[in-house]
């Protein structure tokens, strides 16, 4: 279940600090980690939501930056704090729900986001954009620096509102 991150602001620093130690999350932040999550008290610049389990425990964080003049969102940040297999389906469901929220409720026209090539999540992003009418825009060479100094290429994605909503509609039939 998704809820506004501001409601869980006190819980997020320890979740982020612990998650920073997981090898699979080394692709999450460029150069440093903001352990308070940079949680804003409003949603003018950024939308931030947490993924919760049935017991109201924070499982992950979704964040995206808003381009108000052009009415689209970009710079997607997604991190799962708990690596237990029992949360795989829940987090995947919340991932899709986050996109649906941006397109259905906020009505943004598109989402631009990226992933470091070599990230364990790259294949999932590829499948997601293919399934929901998005596309791979291109590759930026040597464009992202990890905390350990590794320089990565970045794969850029674009997902537009109408194709996403149409794909959702077709899948619900």
Protein backbone atom coordinates (compact mmCIF):
# COMPACT_ATOMS: atom_id res chain seq x y z
CA UNK A 1 0.00 0.00 0.00
CA UNK A 2 1.23 3.50 -0.82
CA UNK A 3 1.01 6.41 1.61
CA UNK A 4 2.62 9.86 1.61
CA UNK A 5 6.20 9.62 2.89
CA UNK A 6 5.77 12.65 5.16
CA UNK A 7 3.60 10.47 7.42
CA UNK A 8 6.62 8.18 8.01
CA UNK A 9 9.35 10.81 8.15
CA UNK A 10 10.64 9.59 11.53
CA UNK A 11 11.02 5.99 10.34
CA UNK A 12 12.84 6.76 7.07
CA UNK A 13 16.34 7.72 8.33
CA UNK A 14 17.00 4.32 9.91
CA UNK A 15 15.47 2.53 6.89
CA UNK A 16 17.69 4.47 4.48
CA UNK A 17 20.83 4.05 6.58
CA UNK A 18 20.32 0.29 6.81
CA UNK A 19 19.47 0.00 3.10
CA UNK A 20 22.65 1.87 2.17
CA UNK A 21 24.60 -1.18 3.33
CA UNK A 22 22.93 -3.58 0.87
CA UNK A 23 25.04 -4.30 -2.19
CA UNK A 24 21.92 -4.32 -4.38
CA UNK A 25 21.19 -0.70 -3.40
CA UNK A 26 24.57 0.69 -4.41
CA UNK A 27 22.98 1.97 -7.62
CA UNK A 28 20.36 4.04 -5.75
CA UNK A 29 22.16 7.27 -4.91
CA UNK A 30 24.83 9.24 -6.70
CA UNK A 31 27.92 9.91 -4.55
CA UNK A 32 26.11 10.06 -1.19
CA UNK A 33 22.99 9.06 0.69
CA UNK A 34 20.57 11.54 2.18
CA UNK A 35 19.53 9.51 5.21
CA UNK A 36 16.54 11.65 6.05
CA UNK A 37 15.28 10.97 2.53
CA UNK A 38 15.01 14.65 1.74
CA UNK A 39 11.35 14.31 2.66
CA UNK A 40 9.55 17.50 1.73
CA UNK A 41 6.61 18.92 3.64
CA UNK A 42 4.80 19.56 0.34
CA UNK A 43 4.60 18.01 -3.12
CA UNK A 44 5.46 21.04 -5.23
CA UNK A 45 8.97 19.87 -6.19
CA UNK A 46 8.69 16.17 -5.56
CA UNK A 47 6.17 13.41 -4.89
CA UNK A 48 7.28 10.98 -2.20
CA UNK A 49 5.43 7.86 -1.10
CA UNK A 50 6.29 4.87 1.04
CA UNK A 51 5.38 1.27 0.37
CA UNK A 52 3.85 -0.38 3.44
CA UNK A 53 3.11 -3.95 4.43
CA UNK A 54 -0.14 -5.04 6.15
CA UNK A 55 1.32 -4.16 9.56
CA UNK A 56 2.11 -0.58 8.46
CA UNK A 57 5.87 -1.26 8.31
CA UNK A 58 7.83 0.76 5.76
CA UNK A 59 9.03 -1.54 2.98
CA UNK A 60 10.32 1.04 0.48
CA UNK A 61 10.33 4.59 -0.83
CA UNK A 62 9.22 6.08 -4.17
CA UNK A 63 10.19 9.61 -5.12
CA UNK A 64 9.91 11.61 -8.32
CA UNK A 65 10.72 15.21 -9.25
CA UNK A 66 8.04 17.43 -10.79
CA UNK A 67 8.53 19.67 -13.81
CA UNK A 68 5.53 21.97 -13.27
CA UNK A 69 5.79 24.13 -16.44
CA UNK A 70 5.81 21.09 -18.76
CA UNK A 71 3.59 18.93 -16.49
CA UNK A 72 5.76 15.83 -16.43
CA UNK A 73 7.84 14.04 -13.81
CA UNK A 74 11.43 12.82 -13.89
CA UNK A 75 14.33 11.60 -11.74
CA UNK A 76 12.56 8.57 -10.33
CA UNK A 77 14.00 7.20 -7.09
CA UNK A 78 12.86 3.76 -5.97
CA UNK A 79 14.34 1.83 -3.08
CA UNK A 80 13.19 -1.26 -1.25
CA UNK A 81 14.37 -1.42 2.34
CA UNK A 82 13.46 -4.97 3.24
CA UNK A 83 14.92 -7.68 1.00
CA UNK A 84 12.65 -10.50 2.22
CA UNK A 85 11.11 -12.51 -0.63
CA UNK A 86 7.65 -12.13 0.92
CA UNK A 87 7.71 -8.47 -0.14
CA UNK A 88 8.48 -9.11 -3.83
CA UNK A 89 4.85 -9.09 -4.96
CA UNK A 90 3.85 -6.23 -2.63
CA UNK A 91 6.64 -3.98 -3.83
CA UNK A 92 6.01 -4.78 -7.51
CA UNK A 93 2.33 -3.95 -6.99
CA UNK A 94 3.23 -0.65 -5.30
CA UNK A 95 5.69 0.16 -8.10
CA UNK A 96 2.88 -0.09 -10.66
CA UNK A 97 0.50 1.77 -8.32
CA UNK A 98 2.99 4.64 -8.05
CA UNK A 99 3.02 5.07 -11.84
CA UNK A 100 -0.77 4.78 -11.92
CA UNK A 101 -1.02 7.49 -9.25
CA UNK A 102 1.17 9.85 -11.26
CA UNK A 103 -0.83 9.31 -14.46
CA UNK A 104 -4.39 8.79 -13.16
CA UNK A 105 -4.57 11.10 -10.16
CA UNK A 106 -1.99 13.80 -10.91
CA UNK A 107 -2.45 13.41 -14.68
CA UNK A 108 1.18 14.03 -15.64
CA UNK A 109 1.73 13.64 -19.37
CA UNK A 110 4.89 11.54 -19.07
CA UNK A 111 7.59 10.16 -16.81
CA UNK A 112 11.28 10.26 -17.66
CA UNK A 113 13.56 8.07 -15.58
CA UNK A 114 16.79 6.14 -15.81
CA UNK A 115 18.73 3.20 -14.45
CA UNK A 116 22.44 2.49 -14.25
CA UNK A 117 23.46 -0.16 -16.72
CA UNK A 118 24.50 -3.14 -14.66
CA UNK A 119 21.97 -2.51 -11.90
CA UNK A 120 20.15 -5.66 -10.81
CA UNK A 121 16.93 -3.76 -11.58
CA UNK A 122 17.72 -2.89 -15.19
CA UNK A 123 15.88 -5.89 -16.69
CA UNK A 124 12.80 -5.15 -14.58
CA UNK A 125 12.70 -1.55 -15.87
CA UNK A 126 13.08 -2.83 -19.45
CA UNK A 127 10.14 -5.22 -19.03
CA UNK A 128 8.01 -2.60 -17.28
CA UNK A 129 8.35 0.05 -19.98
CA UNK A 130 7.76 -2.53 -22.71
CA UNK A 131 4.64 -3.84 -20.96
CA UNK A 132 3.18 -0.37 -20.35
CA UNK A 133 3.90 1.32 -23.68
CA UNK A 134 7.12 3.11 -22.80
CA UNK A 135 10.42 3.14 -24.59
CA UNK A 136 14.14 3.20 -24.04
CA UNK A 137 15.22 6.66 -25.16
CA UNK A 138 18.95 6.02 -25.19
CA UNK A 139 22.16 5.58 -23.26
CA UNK A 140 24.30 8.26 -21.61
CA UNK A 141 27.88 7.00 -21.47
CA UNK A 142 29.85 7.37 -18.24
CA UNK A 143 27.12 9.49 -16.69
CA UNK A 144 26.67 8.21 -13.10
CA UNK A 145 29.15 7.77 -10.27
CA UNK A 146 28.47 5.25 -7.52
CA UNK A 147 29.67 5.75 -3.96
CA UNK A 148 32.51 3.30 -4.53
CA UNK A 149 33.77 5.43 -7.41
CA UNK A 150 32.47 3.19 -10.20
CA UNK A 151 31.36 5.17 -13.23
CA UNK A 152 28.30 3.73 -14.98
CA UNK A 153 26.39 4.31 -18.17
CA UNK A 154 22.80 5.37 -17.74
CA UNK A 155 19.83 3.98 -19.67
CA UNK A 156 17.05 6.53 -20.19
CA UNK A 157 13.34 5.66 -20.32
CA UNK A 158 10.18 7.52 -21.22
CA UNK A 159 6.65 6.46 -20.38
CA UNK A 160 3.69 8.53 -21.56
CA UNK A 161 0.33 8.79 -19.85
CA UNK A 162 -2.00 7.55 -22.59
CA UNK A 163 -0.11 4.38 -23.55
CA UNK A 164 0.30 3.51 -19.85
CA UNK A 165 -3.40 3.95 -19.07
CA UNK A 166 -4.36 2.02 -22.22
CA UNK A 167 -2.09 -0.88 -21.22
CA UNK A 168 -3.64 -0.88 -17.73
CA UNK A 169 -7.11 -0.95 -19.24
CA UNK A 170 -6.23 -3.88 -21.54
CA UNK A 171 -4.66 -5.85 -18.68
CA UNK A 172 -7.77 -5.44 -16.53
CA UNK A 173 -10.02 -7.08 -19.16
